[in-house]
Amino acid sequence: MPAGFHHRPTAKKSRSFARQMRRAPTEAEARMWRLLRDRRLAGFKFRRQVPLDGSIIDFVCFDHRIIIEIDGSQHFSSPRDQERDRHFAREGFRVLRYWNNEVLQTPNSVLEDIFARLTNGTD
């Protein structure tokens, strides 16, 4: 994705829903946002609750095409999530998924994993 790329969602309903989700994040999403916002992770730019291709993405770094999803137990082995991950992989994104308890209990480990994937491009 070229530098300076600005994602502009087209569906007003999606933008409104994303706005609502930004106002009422889960505890794990709020913690992750405190760690990622304002380029706090080594200068990487992240956005949160971004409408993209009919989904609301928890966090995305467009420059490195990485999507971060923070999941609760309702997402365990979700066929819908698996299909969504395949869709974004076809679009050139890498999807990283972390459990709520990982973010809340071991946030430094989660950040180290994200940083490693951002800097060396592996899954």
N, C-alpha and C. Protein backbone atom coordinates (compact mmCIF):
# COMPACT_ATOMS: atom_id res chain seq x y z
N MET A 1 0.86 -1.16 0.00
CA MET A 1 0.00 0.00 0.00
C MET A 1 0.91 1.23 0.00
N PRO A 2 0.66 2.19 -0.88
CA PRO A 2 1.52 3.36 -0.95
C PRO A 2 1.43 4.20 0.31
N ALA A 3 2.56 4.86 0.61
CA ALA A 3 2.56 5.76 1.77
C ALA A 3 1.52 6.85 1.55
N GLY A 4 0.90 7.25 2.63
CA GLY A 4 -0.11 8.29 2.53
C GLY A 4 -1.47 7.79 2.10
N PHE A 5 -1.63 6.47 1.97
CA PHE A 5 -2.91 5.90 1.57
C PHE A 5 -3.96 6.22 2.62
N HIS A 6 -5.11 6.64 2.19
CA HIS A 6 -6.22 6.92 3.09
C HIS A 6 -7.40 6.05 2.69
N HIS A 7 -7.77 5.19 3.60
CA HIS A 7 -8.92 4.31 3.36
C HIS A 7 -10.19 5.12 3.57
N ARG A 8 -11.08 5.09 2.62
CA ARG A 8 -12.35 5.81 2.73
C ARG A 8 -13.50 4.83 2.55
N PRO A 9 -14.11 4.39 3.65
CA PRO A 9 -15.25 3.48 3.50
C PRO A 9 -16.42 4.19 2.85
N THR A 10 -17.20 3.44 2.12
CA THR A 10 -18.30 4.06 1.39
C THR A 10 -19.65 3.95 2.10
N ALA A 11 -19.84 2.93 2.88
CA ALA A 11 -21.14 2.72 3.51
C ALA A 11 -21.27 3.55 4.79
N LYS A 12 -22.23 4.45 4.79
CA LYS A 12 -22.45 5.30 5.95
C LYS A 12 -22.79 4.47 7.19
N LYS A 13 -23.55 3.39 6.99
CA LYS A 13 -23.93 2.50 8.10
C LYS A 13 -22.68 1.89 8.74
N SER A 14 -21.73 1.46 7.93
CA SER A 14 -20.48 0.88 8.45
C SER A 14 -19.68 1.90 9.24
N ARG A 15 -19.59 3.11 8.72
CA ARG A 15 -18.85 4.17 9.44
C ARG A 15 -19.51 4.46 10.78
N SER A 16 -20.82 4.51 10.80
CA SER A 16 -21.55 4.79 12.03
C SER A 16 -21.34 3.68 13.05
N PHE A 17 -21.41 2.42 12.60
CA PHE A 17 -21.20 1.29 13.50
C PHE A 17 -19.78 1.29 14.05
N ALA A 18 -18.81 1.57 13.19
CA ALA A 18 -17.40 1.62 13.63
C ALA A 18 -17.22 2.72 14.67
N ARG A 19 -17.85 3.84 14.45
CA ARG A 19 -17.78 4.95 15.41
C ARG A 19 -18.32 4.51 16.77
N GLN A 20 -19.45 3.81 16.76
CA GLN A 20 -20.03 3.29 18.01
C GLN A 20 -19.07 2.33 18.71
N MET A 21 -18.42 1.48 17.94
CA MET A 21 -17.49 0.52 18.51
C MET A 21 -16.26 1.22 19.10
N ARG A 22 -15.82 2.31 18.48
CA ARG A 22 -14.70 3.07 19.04
C ARG A 22 -15.07 3.70 20.37
N ARG A 23 -16.34 4.09 20.51
CA ARG A 23 -16.80 4.72 21.76
C ARG A 23 -16.99 3.72 22.89
N ALA A 24 -17.20 2.46 22.57
CA ALA A 24 -17.47 1.44 23.59
C ALA A 24 -16.63 0.19 23.35
N PRO A 25 -15.30 0.30 23.44
CA PRO A 25 -14.45 -0.87 23.18
C PRO A 25 -14.53 -1.87 24.34
N THR A 26 -14.16 -3.10 24.03
CA THR A 26 -14.00 -4.07 25.10
C THR A 26 -12.77 -3.66 25.92
N GLU A 27 -12.62 -4.24 27.09
CA GLU A 27 -11.46 -3.91 27.93
C GLU A 27 -10.15 -4.24 27.20
N ALA A 28 -10.12 -5.38 26.52
CA ALA A 28 -8.92 -5.80 25.80
C ALA A 28 -8.63 -4.86 24.62
N GLU A 29 -9.66 -4.44 23.90
CA GLU A 29 -9.46 -3.50 22.78
C GLU A 29 -8.95 -2.16 23.28
N ALA A 30 -9.49 -1.69 24.40
CA ALA A 30 -9.04 -0.41 24.97
C ALA A 30 -7.57 -0.51 25.38
N ARG A 31 -7.19 -1.62 25.99
CA ARG A 31 -5.78 -1.81 26.40
C ARG A 31 -4.88 -1.84 25.17
N MET A 32 -5.30 -2.59 24.15
CA MET A 32 -4.47 -2.68 22.94
C MET A 32 -4.33 -1.31 22.28
N TRP A 33 -5.40 -0.54 22.24
CA TRP A 33 -5.34 0.77 21.61
C TRP A 33 -4.38 1.69 22.37
N ARG A 34 -4.36 1.60 23.70
CA ARG A 34 -3.41 2.41 24.48
C ARG A 34 -1.97 2.06 24.11
N LEU A 35 -1.74 0.82 23.71
CA LEU A 35 -0.39 0.38 23.36
C LEU A 35 -0.01 0.72 21.92
N LEU A 36 -0.99 0.82 21.03
CA LEU A 36 -0.71 1.04 19.61
C LEU A 36 -0.87 2.48 19.14
N ARG A 37 -1.73 3.24 19.79
CA ARG A 37 -2.09 4.58 19.29
C ARG A 37 -0.88 5.52 19.27
N ASP A 38 -1.03 6.56 18.49
CA ASP A 38 0.01 7.60 18.38
C ASP A 38 1.39 7.04 18.02
N ARG A 39 1.38 5.98 17.21
CA ARG A 39 2.64 5.38 16.74
C ARG A 39 3.53 4.90 17.88
N ARG A 40 2.91 4.45 18.98
CA ARG A 40 3.67 4.03 20.16
C ARG A 40 4.46 2.75 19.95
N LEU A 41 4.07 1.93 19.01
CA LEU A 41 4.82 0.71 18.72
C LEU A 41 5.82 1.01 17.60
N ALA A 42 6.98 1.46 17.99
CA ALA A 42 8.11 1.68 17.06
C ALA A 42 7.75 2.56 15.87
N GLY A 43 6.81 3.46 16.05
CA GLY A 43 6.46 4.39 14.98
C GLY A 43 5.47 3.88 13.95
N PHE A 44 4.97 2.66 14.12
CA PHE A 44 3.99 2.10 13.18
C PHE A 44 2.63 2.75 13.40
N LYS A 45 1.98 3.13 12.31
CA LYS A 45 0.67 3.79 12.36
C LYS A 45 -0.44 2.75 12.31
N PHE A 46 -1.28 2.77 13.33
CA PHE A 46 -2.44 1.89 13.39
C PHE A 46 -3.70 2.72 13.44
N ARG A 47 -4.76 2.17 12.90
CA ARG A 47 -6.11 2.73 13.04
C ARG A 47 -6.95 1.68 13.72
N ARG A 48 -8.02 2.12 14.38
CA ARG A 48 -8.87 1.16 15.10
C ARG A 48 -10.30 1.21 14.59
N GLN A 49 -10.97 0.08 14.72
CA GLN A 49 -12.37 -0.07 14.32
C GLN A 49 -12.61 0.54 12.94
N VAL A 50 -11.96 -0.05 11.95
CA VAL A 50 -11.99 0.45 10.58
C VAL A 50 -12.94 -0.40 9.74
N PRO A 51 -13.94 0.22 9.11
CA PRO A 51 -14.78 -0.53 8.17
C PRO A 51 -13.98 -0.87 6.91
N LEU A 52 -13.95 -2.15 6.56
CA LEU A 52 -13.19 -2.57 5.39
C LEU A 52 -13.85 -3.81 4.80
N ASP A 53 -14.26 -3.71 3.55
CA ASP A 53 -14.85 -4.83 2.81
C ASP A 53 -15.99 -5.51 3.58
N GLY A 54 -16.86 -4.72 4.15
CA GLY A 54 -18.03 -5.26 4.84
C GLY A 54 -17.78 -5.75 6.25
N SER A 55 -16.59 -5.55 6.76
CA SER A 55 -16.24 -5.95 8.13
C SER A 55 -15.75 -4.72 8.89
N ILE A 56 -15.78 -4.83 10.21
CA ILE A 56 -15.17 -3.80 11.05
C ILE A 56 -13.91 -4.45 11.63
N ILE A 57 -12.78 -3.91 11.25
CA ILE A 57 -11.48 -4.43 11.66
C ILE A 57 -11.09 -3.79 12.99
N ASP A 58 -10.64 -4.59 13.97
CA ASP A 58 -10.26 -4.03 15.26
C ASP A 58 -9.12 -3.02 15.10
N PHE A 59 -8.01 -3.46 14.50
CA PHE A 59 -6.85 -2.58 14.29
C PHE A 59 -6.22 -2.93 12.95
N VAL A 60 -5.71 -1.91 12.27
CA VAL A 60 -5.06 -2.17 10.99
C VAL A 60 -3.89 -1.21 10.81
N CYS A 61 -2.81 -1.75 10.27
CA CYS A 61 -1.67 -0.96 9.83
C CYS A 61 -1.66 -1.09 8.31
N PHE A 62 -2.18 -0.07 7.63
CA PHE A 62 -2.29 -0.13 6.18
C PHE A 62 -0.92 -0.17 5.50
N ASP A 63 0.06 0.54 6.05
CA ASP A 63 1.39 0.58 5.43
C ASP A 63 2.02 -0.81 5.33
N HIS A 64 1.73 -1.67 6.30
CA HIS A 64 2.31 -3.02 6.31
C HIS A 64 1.26 -4.10 6.07
N ARG A 65 0.02 -3.68 5.80
CA ARG A 65 -1.08 -4.58 5.47
C ARG A 65 -1.24 -5.67 6.53
N ILE A 66 -1.30 -5.23 7.79
CA ILE A 66 -1.52 -6.14 8.90
C ILE A 66 -2.80 -5.76 9.61
N ILE A 67 -3.64 -6.75 9.83
CA ILE A 67 -4.89 -6.60 10.57
C ILE A 67 -4.71 -7.32 11.90
N ILE A 68 -5.13 -6.67 12.97
CA ILE A 68 -5.06 -7.27 14.30
C ILE A 68 -6.48 -7.39 14.83
N GLU A 69 -6.85 -8.60 15.21
CA GLU A 69 -8.15 -8.86 15.79
C GLU A 69 -7.96 -9.33 17.22
N ILE A 70 -8.71 -8.74 18.14
CA ILE A 70 -8.70 -9.12 19.54
C ILE A 70 -10.02 -9.85 19.80
N ASP A 71 -9.92 -11.12 20.14
CA ASP A 71 -11.11 -11.97 20.18
C ASP A 71 -11.42 -12.51 21.56
N GLY A 72 -12.71 -12.67 21.80
CA GLY A 72 -13.21 -13.38 22.97
C GLY A 72 -13.55 -14.80 22.58
N SER A 73 -14.06 -15.56 23.53
CA SER A 73 -14.32 -16.98 23.29
C SER A 73 -15.38 -17.23 22.22
N GLN A 74 -16.23 -16.24 21.93
CA GLN A 74 -17.25 -16.42 20.89
C GLN A 74 -16.63 -16.62 19.51
N HIS A 75 -15.34 -16.29 19.37
CA HIS A 75 -14.68 -16.43 18.07
C HIS A 75 -13.92 -17.75 17.94
N PHE A 76 -13.96 -18.59 18.97
CA PHE A 76 -13.22 -19.84 18.94
C PHE A 76 -13.69 -20.69 17.75
N SER A 77 -12.80 -20.97 16.84
CA SER A 77 -13.07 -21.80 15.66
C SER A 77 -14.27 -21.31 14.85
N SER A 78 -14.43 -20.01 14.74
CA SER A 78 -15.56 -19.45 14.00
C SER A 78 -15.35 -19.58 12.49
N PRO A 79 -16.25 -20.31 11.80
CA PRO A 79 -16.13 -20.41 10.33
C PRO A 79 -16.21 -19.03 9.66
N ARG A 80 -17.01 -18.14 10.21
CA ARG A 80 -17.13 -16.79 9.64
C ARG A 80 -15.80 -16.05 9.72
N ASP A 81 -15.12 -16.16 10.87
CA ASP A 81 -13.81 -15.52 11.02
C ASP A 81 -12.78 -16.14 10.09
N GLN A 82 -12.84 -17.46 9.93
CA GLN A 82 -11.89 -18.13 9.04
C GLN A 82 -12.08 -17.66 7.60
N GLU A 83 -13.33 -17.53 7.16
CA GLU A 83 -13.59 -17.05 5.80
C GLU A 83 -13.14 -15.60 5.65
N ARG A 84 -13.41 -14.80 6.66
CA ARG A 84 -12.99 -13.39 6.63
C ARG A 84 -11.47 -13.29 6.55
N ASP A 85 -10.74 -14.12 7.32
CA ASP A 85 -9.28 -14.12 7.27
C ASP A 85 -8.78 -14.50 5.88
N ARG A 86 -9.43 -15.50 5.27
CA ARG A 86 -9.04 -15.91 3.90
C ARG A 86 -9.28 -14.77 2.91
N HIS A 87 -10.42 -14.07 3.07
CA HIS A 87 -10.71 -12.94 2.19
C HIS A 87 -9.61 -11.89 2.29
N PHE A 88 -9.26 -11.50 3.51
CA PHE A 88 -8.25 -10.46 3.67
C PHE A 88 -6.87 -10.94 3.22
N ALA A 89 -6.58 -12.23 3.37
CA ALA A 89 -5.32 -12.78 2.87
C ALA A 89 -5.27 -12.64 1.35
N ARG A 90 -6.39 -12.92 0.67
CA ARG A 90 -6.43 -12.74 -0.79
C ARG A 90 -6.22 -11.29 -1.18
N GLU A 91 -6.59 -10.38 -0.29
CA GLU A 91 -6.41 -8.94 -0.55
C GLU A 91 -5.02 -8.45 -0.16
N GLY A 92 -4.17 -9.36 0.30
CA GLY A 92 -2.79 -9.01 0.63
C GLY A 92 -2.54 -8.61 2.08
N PHE A 93 -3.50 -8.86 2.96
CA PHE A 93 -3.34 -8.55 4.39
C PHE A 93 -2.93 -9.81 5.15
N ARG A 94 -2.19 -9.61 6.21
CA ARG A 94 -1.94 -10.68 7.18
C ARG A 94 -2.83 -10.39 8.37
N VAL A 95 -3.55 -11.40 8.83
CA VAL A 95 -4.46 -11.24 9.96
C VAL A 95 -3.82 -11.90 11.18
N LEU A 96 -3.64 -11.10 12.22
CA LEU A 96 -3.10 -11.59 13.49
C LEU A 96 -4.25 -11.60 14.49
N ARG A 97 -4.44 -12.73 15.15
CA ARG A 97 -5.53 -12.84 16.13
C ARG A 97 -4.94 -13.12 17.50
N TYR A 98 -5.44 -12.39 18.48
CA TYR A 98 -5.01 -12.57 19.87
C TYR A 98 -6.26 -12.67 20.73
N TRP A 99 -6.19 -13.50 21.76
CA TRP A 99 -7.29 -13.65 22.69
C TRP A 99 -7.31 -12.47 23.66
N ASN A 100 -8.50 -12.11 24.11
CA ASN A 100 -8.65 -11.04 25.09
C ASN A 100 -7.71 -11.24 26.28
N ASN A 101 -7.68 -12.48 26.82
CA ASN A 101 -6.85 -12.70 28.01
C ASN A 101 -5.37 -12.53 27.72
N GLU A 102 -4.91 -12.79 26.49
CA GLU A 102 -3.51 -12.55 26.14
C GLU A 102 -3.19 -11.05 26.25
N VAL A 103 -4.07 -10.23 25.71
CA VAL A 103 -3.87 -8.78 25.72
C VAL A 103 -3.90 -8.25 27.15
N LEU A 104 -4.81 -8.78 27.95
CA LEU A 104 -4.97 -8.29 29.32
C LEU A 104 -3.89 -8.81 30.27
N GLN A 105 -3.42 -10.05 30.06
CA GLN A 105 -2.48 -10.65 31.00
C GLN A 105 -1.03 -10.56 30.57
N THR A 106 -0.77 -10.60 29.26
CA THR A 106 0.61 -10.56 28.77
C THR A 106 0.74 -9.59 27.59
N PRO A 107 0.42 -8.32 27.80
CA PRO A 107 0.44 -7.37 26.68
C PRO A 107 1.82 -7.21 26.04
N ASN A 108 2.88 -7.31 26.82
CA ASN A 108 4.21 -7.17 26.23
C ASN A 108 4.53 -8.29 25.25
N SER A 109 4.07 -9.50 25.56
CA SER A 109 4.28 -10.63 24.64
C SER A 109 3.52 -10.41 23.33
N VAL A 110 2.30 -9.89 23.45
CA VAL A 110 1.51 -9.60 22.26
C VAL A 110 2.21 -8.53 21.42
N LEU A 111 2.68 -7.46 22.06
CA LEU A 111 3.37 -6.40 21.32
C LEU A 111 4.65 -6.92 20.67
N GLU A 112 5.39 -7.76 21.37
CA GLU A 112 6.61 -8.34 20.78
C GLU A 112 6.29 -9.15 19.54
N ASP A 113 5.20 -9.92 19.60
CA ASP A 113 4.79 -10.72 18.45
C ASP A 113 4.39 -9.82 17.27
N ILE A 114 3.61 -8.80 17.56
CA ILE A 114 3.19 -7.86 16.50
C ILE A 114 4.42 -7.19 15.89
N PHE A 115 5.33 -6.71 16.73
CA PHE A 115 6.53 -6.04 16.24
C PHE A 115 7.36 -6.98 15.35
N ALA A 116 7.50 -8.23 15.78
CA ALA A 116 8.27 -9.21 14.99
C ALA A 116 7.63 -9.41 13.61
N ARG A 117 6.32 -9.48 13.58
CA ARG A 117 5.63 -9.69 12.30
C ARG A 117 5.69 -8.44 11.42
N LEU A 118 5.68 -7.28 12.03
CA LEU A 118 5.80 -6.04 11.26
C LEU A 118 7.19 -5.89 10.66
N THR A 119 8.20 -6.29 11.41
CA THR A 119 9.58 -6.04 10.96
C THR A 119 10.17 -7.12 10.09
N ASN A 120 9.70 -8.37 10.24
CA ASN A 120 10.28 -9.40 9.37
C ASN A 120 9.25 -10.07 8.48
N GLY A 121 8.02 -9.63 8.53
CA GLY A 121 7.01 -10.06 7.57
C GLY A 121 6.64 -11.52 7.59
N THR A 122 6.84 -12.20 8.72
CA THR A 122 6.48 -13.62 8.77
C THR A 122 5.25 -13.83 9.63
N ASP A 123 4.60 -14.96 9.42
CA ASP A 123 3.43 -15.33 10.24
C ASP A 123 3.78 -16.37 11.24
